[in-house]
Every structure is written in C-alpha cells, then in structure tokens.
Amino acid sequence: MEEKKLRTNPVKVIREYCLDCCLSSSYEVALCPAAHCPLWPFRFGKNPYRANRELSDDRKAELRQRMQRINLERKSQ
C-alpha cells in the first residue's frame, strides 16, 4: 500500500513545532524567549518576510470570476 504524501506548508509545520516546544500553549509561543532560534520569526505560523499583495479592483474582480467558475465546475462533477 502506497503512502499518501501530505502537502504541508513549511511555515505551518514550524508553528506546530513551536507549539510542541512550548507544551501546546499559544501564550507561551508568544512569550518565547528563544530569539536566537532560527524558527523564532515564524513561530506564529506566518512568514514575516512575505510582502502583502495589493490587488487592483480589476484584478480582484477577475479572481472572483475565476473562483466562481471553479466552484461551478466542482459542483457539476
């Protein structure tokens, strides 16, 4: 039997690691004193170095239509 590969976001895996390190306490993750840890900036499950995308209204409308089309295709299957 083949194992199914899970696609997991590496930043979310880091978050789980930090929770494990802090005994599953989100509060303790926030208070983590290990600033020297290379995973420390990612402890909240977000990439702090990723820039936020600013989309124009036209692009938002285009993406909305695309998503509606995808959802219709999924429902029809």
N, C-alpha and C. Protein backbone atom coordinates (compact mmCIF):
# COMPACT_ATOMS: atom_id res chain seq x y z
N MET A 1 0.84 -1.17 0.00
CA MET A 1 0.00 0.00 0.00
C MET A 1 0.89 1.24 0.00
N GLU A 2 0.62 2.17 -0.90
CA GLU A 2 1.42 3.39 -1.01
C GLU A 2 1.02 4.40 0.05
N GLU A 3 2.02 5.08 0.56
CA GLU A 3 1.73 6.16 1.50
C GLU A 3 1.31 7.39 0.74
N LYS A 4 0.33 8.07 1.26
CA LYS A 4 -0.14 9.30 0.64
C LYS A 4 0.71 10.45 1.15
N LYS A 5 1.30 11.21 0.22
CA LYS A 5 2.12 12.35 0.61
C LYS A 5 1.21 13.51 0.99
N LEU A 6 1.50 14.10 2.12
CA LEU A 6 0.75 15.26 2.56
C LEU A 6 1.46 16.52 2.12
N ARG A 7 0.73 17.44 1.58
CA ARG A 7 1.30 18.73 1.24
C ARG A 7 1.08 19.64 2.43
N THR A 8 2.18 20.05 3.03
CA THR A 8 2.08 20.87 4.23
C THR A 8 2.92 22.12 4.04
N ASN A 9 2.36 23.22 4.43
CA ASN A 9 3.04 24.49 4.37
C ASN A 9 4.16 24.48 5.41
N PRO A 10 5.41 24.73 5.01
CA PRO A 10 6.52 24.68 5.96
C PRO A 10 6.35 25.65 7.13
N VAL A 11 5.75 26.78 6.90
CA VAL A 11 5.55 27.75 7.98
C VAL A 11 4.56 27.20 9.01
N LYS A 12 3.56 26.46 8.55
CA LYS A 12 2.60 25.85 9.47
C LYS A 12 3.26 24.72 10.26
N VAL A 13 4.21 24.02 9.64
CA VAL A 13 4.95 22.98 10.35
C VAL A 13 5.80 23.61 11.45
N ILE A 14 6.39 24.76 11.16
CA ILE A 14 7.17 25.48 12.16
C ILE A 14 6.27 25.87 13.33
N ARG A 15 5.07 26.33 13.04
CA ARG A 15 4.12 26.69 14.09
C ARG A 15 3.84 25.48 14.99
N GLU A 16 3.60 24.33 14.37
CA GLU A 16 3.35 23.11 15.14
C GLU A 16 4.56 22.75 15.99
N TYR A 17 5.76 22.93 15.44
CA TYR A 17 6.99 22.65 16.20
C TYR A 17 7.07 23.58 17.42
N CYS A 18 6.79 24.85 17.21
CA CYS A 18 6.84 25.81 18.31
C CYS A 18 5.81 25.48 19.38
N LEU A 19 4.63 25.08 18.96
CA LEU A 19 3.61 24.67 19.94
C LEU A 19 4.07 23.45 20.73
N ASP A 20 4.70 22.50 20.04
CA ASP A 20 5.22 21.32 20.71
C ASP A 20 6.31 21.70 21.71
N CYS A 21 7.17 22.61 21.32
CA CYS A 21 8.25 23.08 22.18
C CYS A 21 7.72 23.78 23.42
N CYS A 22 6.60 24.47 23.27
CA CYS A 22 6.01 25.25 24.38
C CYS A 22 4.83 24.54 25.03
N LEU A 23 4.82 23.21 24.96
CA LEU A 23 3.79 22.39 25.60
C LEU A 23 2.37 22.75 25.17
N SER A 24 2.21 23.00 23.87
CA SER A 24 0.91 23.27 23.24
C SER A 24 0.23 24.53 23.75
N SER A 25 1.01 25.48 24.21
CA SER A 25 0.45 26.73 24.71
C SER A 25 0.75 27.88 23.75
N SER A 26 -0.28 28.42 23.13
CA SER A 26 -0.10 29.56 22.23
C SER A 26 0.45 30.76 22.98
N TYR A 27 0.03 30.90 24.20
CA TYR A 27 0.50 32.01 25.02
C TYR A 27 2.01 31.90 25.24
N GLU A 28 2.49 30.71 25.51
CA GLU A 28 3.92 30.50 25.71
C GLU A 28 4.71 30.70 24.42
N VAL A 29 4.11 30.35 23.29
CA VAL A 29 4.78 30.60 22.00
C VAL A 29 4.97 32.10 21.81
N ALA A 30 3.96 32.87 22.15
CA ALA A 30 4.06 34.33 22.02
C ALA A 30 5.13 34.90 22.94
N LEU A 31 5.32 34.28 24.09
CA LEU A 31 6.32 34.76 25.06
C LEU A 31 7.69 34.11 24.88
N CYS A 32 7.87 33.33 23.86
CA CYS A 32 9.10 32.55 23.66
C CYS A 32 10.34 33.44 23.77
N PRO A 33 11.25 33.10 24.68
CA PRO A 33 12.46 33.91 24.87
C PRO A 33 13.61 33.48 23.95
N ALA A 34 13.42 32.44 23.15
CA ALA A 34 14.50 31.90 22.32
C ALA A 34 14.64 32.67 21.01
N ALA A 35 14.92 33.96 21.10
CA ALA A 35 15.03 34.80 19.90
C ALA A 35 16.21 34.39 19.02
N HIS A 36 17.14 33.64 19.56
CA HIS A 36 18.28 33.16 18.78
C HIS A 36 17.90 31.98 17.88
N CYS A 37 16.75 31.38 18.12
CA CYS A 37 16.28 30.23 17.33
C CYS A 37 15.97 30.69 15.90
N PRO A 38 16.45 29.97 14.89
CA PRO A 38 16.18 30.38 13.50
C PRO A 38 14.70 30.32 13.13
N LEU A 39 13.91 29.60 13.89
CA LEU A 39 12.47 29.49 13.62
C LEU A 39 11.66 30.56 14.32
N TRP A 40 12.27 31.31 15.21
CA TRP A 40 11.56 32.27 16.05
C TRP A 40 10.69 33.26 15.27
N PRO A 41 11.16 33.85 14.15
CA PRO A 41 10.29 34.80 13.43
C PRO A 41 9.03 34.15 12.84
N PHE A 42 9.04 32.83 12.68
CA PHE A 42 7.92 32.12 12.05
C PHE A 42 7.00 31.46 13.07
N ARG A 43 7.20 31.71 14.36
CA ARG A 43 6.51 30.97 15.41
C ARG A 43 5.00 31.17 15.42
N PHE A 44 4.50 32.22 14.79
CA PHE A 44 3.05 32.45 14.75
C PHE A 44 2.37 31.81 13.56
N GLY A 45 3.12 31.08 12.73
CA GLY A 45 2.54 30.42 11.57
C GLY A 45 2.41 31.33 10.37
N LYS A 46 3.13 32.42 10.37
CA LYS A 46 3.13 33.38 9.25
C LYS A 46 4.57 33.65 8.85
N ASN A 47 4.77 33.96 7.58
CA ASN A 47 6.09 34.33 7.11
C ASN A 47 6.22 35.85 7.21
N PRO A 48 7.02 36.35 8.14
CA PRO A 48 7.11 37.80 8.33
C PRO A 48 7.84 38.51 7.19
N TYR A 49 8.51 37.76 6.34
CA TYR A 49 9.27 38.36 5.25
C TYR A 49 8.49 38.44 3.95
N ARG A 50 7.30 37.89 3.94
CA ARG A 50 6.47 37.90 2.74
C ARG A 50 5.68 39.20 2.67
N ALA A 51 5.80 39.88 1.57
CA ALA A 51 5.09 41.15 1.40
C ALA A 51 3.61 40.89 1.14
N ASN A 52 2.77 41.76 1.66
CA ASN A 52 1.34 41.67 1.40
C ASN A 52 1.06 42.12 -0.03
N ARG A 53 0.20 41.37 -0.71
CA ARG A 53 -0.14 41.73 -2.08
C ARG A 53 -1.26 42.76 -2.07
N GLU A 54 -1.08 43.78 -2.86
CA GLU A 54 -2.12 44.78 -3.03
C GLU A 54 -2.69 44.57 -4.44
N LEU A 55 -3.97 44.20 -4.51
CA LEU A 55 -4.59 43.92 -5.79
C LEU A 55 -5.48 45.08 -6.22
N SER A 56 -5.46 45.34 -7.51
CA SER A 56 -6.35 46.38 -8.05
C SER A 56 -7.78 45.83 -8.05
N ASP A 57 -8.74 46.72 -8.18
CA ASP A 57 -10.14 46.30 -8.21
C ASP A 57 -10.42 45.40 -9.42
N ASP A 58 -9.78 45.70 -10.56
CA ASP A 58 -9.96 44.86 -11.75
C ASP A 58 -9.44 43.45 -11.50
N ARG A 59 -8.29 43.35 -10.88
CA ARG A 59 -7.69 42.04 -10.60
C ARG A 59 -8.55 41.26 -9.59
N LYS A 60 -9.09 41.95 -8.60
CA LYS A 60 -9.98 41.30 -7.63
C LYS A 60 -11.22 40.74 -8.31
N ALA A 61 -11.80 41.52 -9.23
CA ALA A 61 -12.99 41.08 -9.96
C ALA A 61 -12.65 39.87 -10.83
N GLU A 62 -11.49 39.91 -11.47
CA GLU A 62 -11.05 38.80 -12.31
C GLU A 62 -10.88 37.52 -11.48
N LEU A 63 -10.25 37.63 -10.33
CA LEU A 63 -10.05 36.47 -9.46
C LEU A 63 -11.37 35.95 -8.91
N ARG A 64 -12.30 36.86 -8.61
CA ARG A 64 -13.61 36.46 -8.10
C ARG A 64 -14.36 35.64 -9.16
N GLN A 65 -14.33 36.11 -10.42
CA GLN A 65 -14.99 35.39 -11.50
C GLN A 65 -14.36 34.03 -11.72
N ARG A 66 -13.05 33.99 -11.65
CA ARG A 66 -12.33 32.73 -11.83
C ARG A 66 -12.73 31.73 -10.75
N MET A 67 -12.82 32.18 -9.50
CA MET A 67 -13.19 31.31 -8.40
C MET A 67 -14.63 30.83 -8.54
N GLN A 68 -15.52 31.69 -8.99
CA GLN A 68 -16.91 31.29 -9.21
C GLN A 68 -16.98 30.20 -10.28
N ARG A 69 -16.20 30.35 -11.33
CA ARG A 69 -16.17 29.36 -12.41
C ARG A 69 -15.65 28.02 -11.88
N ILE A 70 -14.60 28.06 -11.07
CA ILE A 70 -14.05 26.83 -10.50
C ILE A 70 -15.07 26.16 -9.59
N ASN A 71 -15.76 26.94 -8.76
CA ASN A 71 -16.77 26.37 -7.86
C ASN A 71 -17.92 25.74 -8.63
N LEU A 72 -18.34 26.34 -9.73
CA LEU A 72 -19.40 25.78 -10.55
C LEU A 72 -18.95 24.45 -11.16
N GLU A 73 -17.71 24.39 -11.61
CA GLU A 73 -17.19 23.14 -12.18
C GLU A 73 -17.14 22.04 -11.12
N ARG A 74 -16.78 22.39 -9.91
CA ARG A 74 -16.71 21.40 -8.83
C ARG A 74 -18.10 20.88 -8.48
N LYS A 75 -19.07 21.76 -8.46
CA LYS A 75 -20.43 21.35 -8.12
C LYS A 75 -21.02 20.44 -9.17
N SER A 76 -20.64 20.65 -10.44
CA SER A 76 -21.21 19.86 -11.53
C SER A 76 -20.57 18.47 -11.64
N GLN A 77 -19.50 18.23 -10.94
CA GLN A 77 -18.82 16.93 -11.02
C GLN A 77 -19.47 15.90 -10.17
